[in-house]
């Protein structure tokens, strides 16, 4: 019982600390810590999954798999990070500000990986959703990734998932 309370407290503290640092008016240019950066990216993945007003189990599972793959987490740890990300996404201001903060704090070389992960989440349910694709295209531009590169990333993800591009 105590362990569950400690875990809940830890998640709540992680949520509050990251939310206050991500959305404070006096942001500095210091990079986020690795764990905080991953939660911020996870929140962006949750935003994509929720863009079509259907947040399905397949999308949650894909987010967990991405988080586990990116940081070598087990699935329980990845699910905990996703749960924190869901809270952050629900409290986050508009996507433009949210993405700008990620862009300012996530190294350029990692942004293509973030965009690929977004495409994975968008197609986790094996169907196209215009709202999800539109959001990803917006975020790609905000992250400084050209349309052509975003399209190539999308195509690679579709091929990796065994889906036809179209």
Protein backbone atom coordinates (compact mmCIF):
# COMPACT_ATOMS: atom_id res chain seq x y z
CA UNK A 1 0.00 0.00 0.00
CA UNK A 2 2.83 2.39 0.92
CA UNK A 3 4.66 1.60 -2.32
CA UNK A 4 1.59 2.57 -4.36
CA UNK A 5 1.27 5.82 -2.44
CA UNK A 6 4.96 6.58 -3.01
CA UNK A 7 4.60 5.87 -6.72
CA UNK A 8 1.52 8.10 -6.93
CA UNK A 9 3.34 10.88 -5.08
CA UNK A 10 6.36 10.52 -7.38
CA UNK A 11 4.17 10.77 -10.48
CA UNK A 12 2.33 13.79 -9.09
CA UNK A 13 5.61 15.54 -8.28
CA UNK A 14 7.01 14.72 -11.73
CA UNK A 15 3.86 16.14 -13.29
CA UNK A 16 3.93 19.37 -11.26
CA UNK A 17 7.67 19.97 -11.65
CA UNK A 18 7.73 19.38 -15.37
CA UNK A 19 4.55 21.34 -16.02
CA UNK A 20 5.85 24.35 -14.10
CA UNK A 21 9.21 24.25 -15.90
CA UNK A 22 7.74 23.70 -19.35
CA UNK A 23 5.19 26.46 -19.12
CA UNK A 24 6.83 29.07 -16.91
CA UNK A 25 7.06 32.52 -18.47
CA UNK A 26 10.76 32.83 -17.64
CA UNK A 27 11.98 29.83 -19.62
CA UNK A 28 15.72 29.48 -19.91
CA UNK A 29 17.63 27.77 -22.69
CA UNK A 30 18.84 24.89 -20.54
CA UNK A 31 17.92 21.51 -22.02
CA UNK A 32 15.38 19.44 -20.18
CA UNK A 33 16.70 16.50 -18.23
CA UNK A 34 16.44 13.26 -20.20
CA UNK A 35 13.44 11.98 -18.23
CA UNK A 36 11.64 15.34 -18.45
CA UNK A 37 12.33 15.58 -22.17
CA UNK A 38 10.88 12.12 -22.73
CA UNK A 39 7.74 13.01 -20.77
CA UNK A 40 7.39 16.21 -22.83
CA UNK A 41 7.74 14.19 -26.03
CA UNK A 42 5.24 11.65 -24.69
CA UNK A 43 2.79 14.49 -24.06
CA UNK A 44 3.14 15.53 -27.68
CA UNK A 45 2.49 11.91 -28.75
CA UNK A 46 -0.63 11.86 -26.58
CA UNK A 47 -1.78 15.10 -28.21
CA UNK A 48 -1.46 13.48 -31.65
CA UNK A 49 -3.35 10.38 -30.52
CA UNK A 50 -6.16 12.53 -29.12
CA UNK A 51 -6.33 14.81 -32.17
CA UNK A 52 -9.10 12.78 -33.83
CA UNK A 53 -11.13 12.54 -30.59
CA UNK A 54 -10.45 8.78 -30.39
CA UNK A 55 -7.73 7.80 -27.94
CA UNK A 56 -7.58 4.07 -28.44
CA UNK A 57 -5.77 1.25 -26.69
CA UNK A 58 -3.63 0.68 -29.78
CA UNK A 59 -2.42 4.28 -29.57
CA UNK A 60 -1.64 3.99 -25.85
CA UNK A 61 0.27 0.78 -26.49
CA UNK A 62 2.22 2.37 -29.34
CA UNK A 63 3.17 5.33 -27.12
CA UNK A 64 4.34 2.89 -24.44
CA UNK A 65 6.40 0.96 -27.01
CA UNK A 66 7.99 4.17 -28.31
CA UNK A 67 8.87 5.35 -24.81
CA UNK A 68 10.30 1.94 -23.92
CA UNK A 69 12.37 1.86 -27.12
CA UNK A 70 13.66 5.43 -26.79
CA UNK A 71 14.91 5.09 -23.21
CA UNK A 72 15.23 1.38 -22.53
CA UNK A 73 12.27 1.32 -20.16
CA UNK A 74 10.19 -1.68 -19.32
CA UNK A 75 6.54 -1.48 -20.31
CA UNK A 76 5.36 -0.61 -16.78
CA UNK A 77 7.78 2.34 -16.61
CA UNK A 78 6.73 3.46 -20.08
CA UNK A 79 3.05 3.31 -19.06
CA UNK A 80 3.84 5.45 -15.99
CA UNK A 81 5.51 8.07 -18.18
CA UNK A 82 2.54 7.99 -20.54
CA UNK A 83 0.16 8.53 -17.61
CA UNK A 84 2.14 11.63 -16.60
CA UNK A 85 2.18 12.75 -20.23
CA UNK A 86 -1.60 12.41 -20.43
CA UNK A 87 -1.95 14.80 -17.49
CA UNK A 88 0.53 17.25 -18.97
CA UNK A 89 -1.13 17.17 -22.38
CA UNK A 90 -4.51 17.88 -20.80
CA UNK A 91 -3.07 20.94 -19.01
CA UNK A 92 -0.79 22.14 -21.80
CA UNK A 93 -1.50 25.38 -23.59
CA UNK A 94 -1.93 25.42 -27.35
CA UNK A 95 0.18 23.16 -29.53
CA UNK A 96 2.20 26.06 -30.95
CA UNK A 97 3.57 27.10 -27.57
CA UNK A 98 3.98 23.51 -26.41
CA UNK A 99 5.94 22.56 -29.53
CA UNK A 100 8.06 25.71 -29.40
CA UNK A 101 9.14 24.79 -25.89
CA UNK A 102 10.07 21.29 -27.04
CA UNK A 103 11.94 22.71 -30.03
CA UNK A 104 13.89 25.07 -27.81
CA UNK A 105 14.84 22.27 -25.44
CA UNK A 106 15.20 19.14 -27.58
CA UNK A 107 18.34 18.91 -29.75
CA UNK A 108 17.79 19.22 -33.50
CA UNK A 109 19.06 15.70 -34.19
CA UNK A 110 16.35 14.25 -31.93
CA UNK A 111 13.45 16.10 -33.56
CA UNK A 112 13.24 13.79 -36.59
CA UNK A 113 12.91 10.87 -34.18
CA UNK A 114 10.12 12.72 -32.39
CA UNK A 115 8.33 13.28 -35.69
CA UNK A 116 8.71 9.62 -36.68
CA UNK A 117 7.23 8.64 -33.33
CA UNK A 118 4.30 10.97 -33.97
CA UNK A 119 3.64 9.29 -37.33
CA UNK A 120 3.80 5.88 -35.59
CA UNK A 121 1.16 6.97 -33.11
CA UNK A 122 -1.03 8.43 -35.84
CA UNK A 123 -1.08 5.10 -37.69
CA UNK A 124 -1.18 2.84 -34.60
CA UNK A 125 -4.85 2.15 -35.29
CA UNK A 126 -4.05 1.32 -38.97
CA UNK A 127 -6.18 4.12 -40.36
CA UNK A 128 -5.69 7.65 -41.57
CA UNK A 129 -7.14 10.49 -39.56
CA UNK A 130 -6.96 13.92 -41.16
CA UNK A 131 -6.87 15.65 -37.75
CA UNK A 132 -3.81 13.66 -36.66
CA UNK A 133 -2.00 14.19 -39.96
CA UNK A 134 -2.76 17.92 -39.90
CA UNK A 135 -1.41 18.23 -36.37
CA UNK A 136 1.79 16.37 -37.29
CA UNK A 137 2.35 18.60 -40.31
CA UNK A 138 1.89 21.66 -38.11
CA UNK A 139 4.30 20.30 -35.50
CA UNK A 140 6.87 19.37 -38.17
CA UNK A 141 7.01 22.98 -39.30
CA UNK A 142 7.19 24.21 -35.72
CA UNK A 143 10.05 21.80 -35.02
CA UNK A 144 11.92 23.09 -38.07
CA UNK A 145 11.52 19.90 -40.10
CA UNK A 146 10.80 20.57 -43.81
CA UNK A 147 7.66 19.10 -45.39
CA UNK A 148 9.73 16.86 -47.65
CA UNK A 149 11.58 15.34 -44.68
CA UNK A 150 8.31 14.89 -42.80
CA UNK A 151 6.85 13.11 -45.83
CA UNK A 152 9.85 10.79 -46.06
CA UNK A 153 9.58 10.00 -42.35
CA UNK A 154 5.86 9.28 -42.79
CA UNK A 155 6.58 6.97 -45.72
CA UNK A 156 9.23 5.06 -43.73
CA UNK A 157 6.85 4.64 -40.80
CA UNK A 158 4.06 3.37 -43.07
CA UNK A 159 6.43 0.88 -44.67
CA UNK A 160 7.70 -0.21 -41.25
CA UNK A 161 4.12 -0.79 -40.11
CA UNK A 162 3.28 -2.69 -43.31
CA UNK A 163 0.74 -0.07 -44.41
CA UNK A 164 0.34 1.44 -47.86
CA UNK A 165 1.02 5.13 -48.23
CA UNK A 166 -1.62 7.14 -49.89
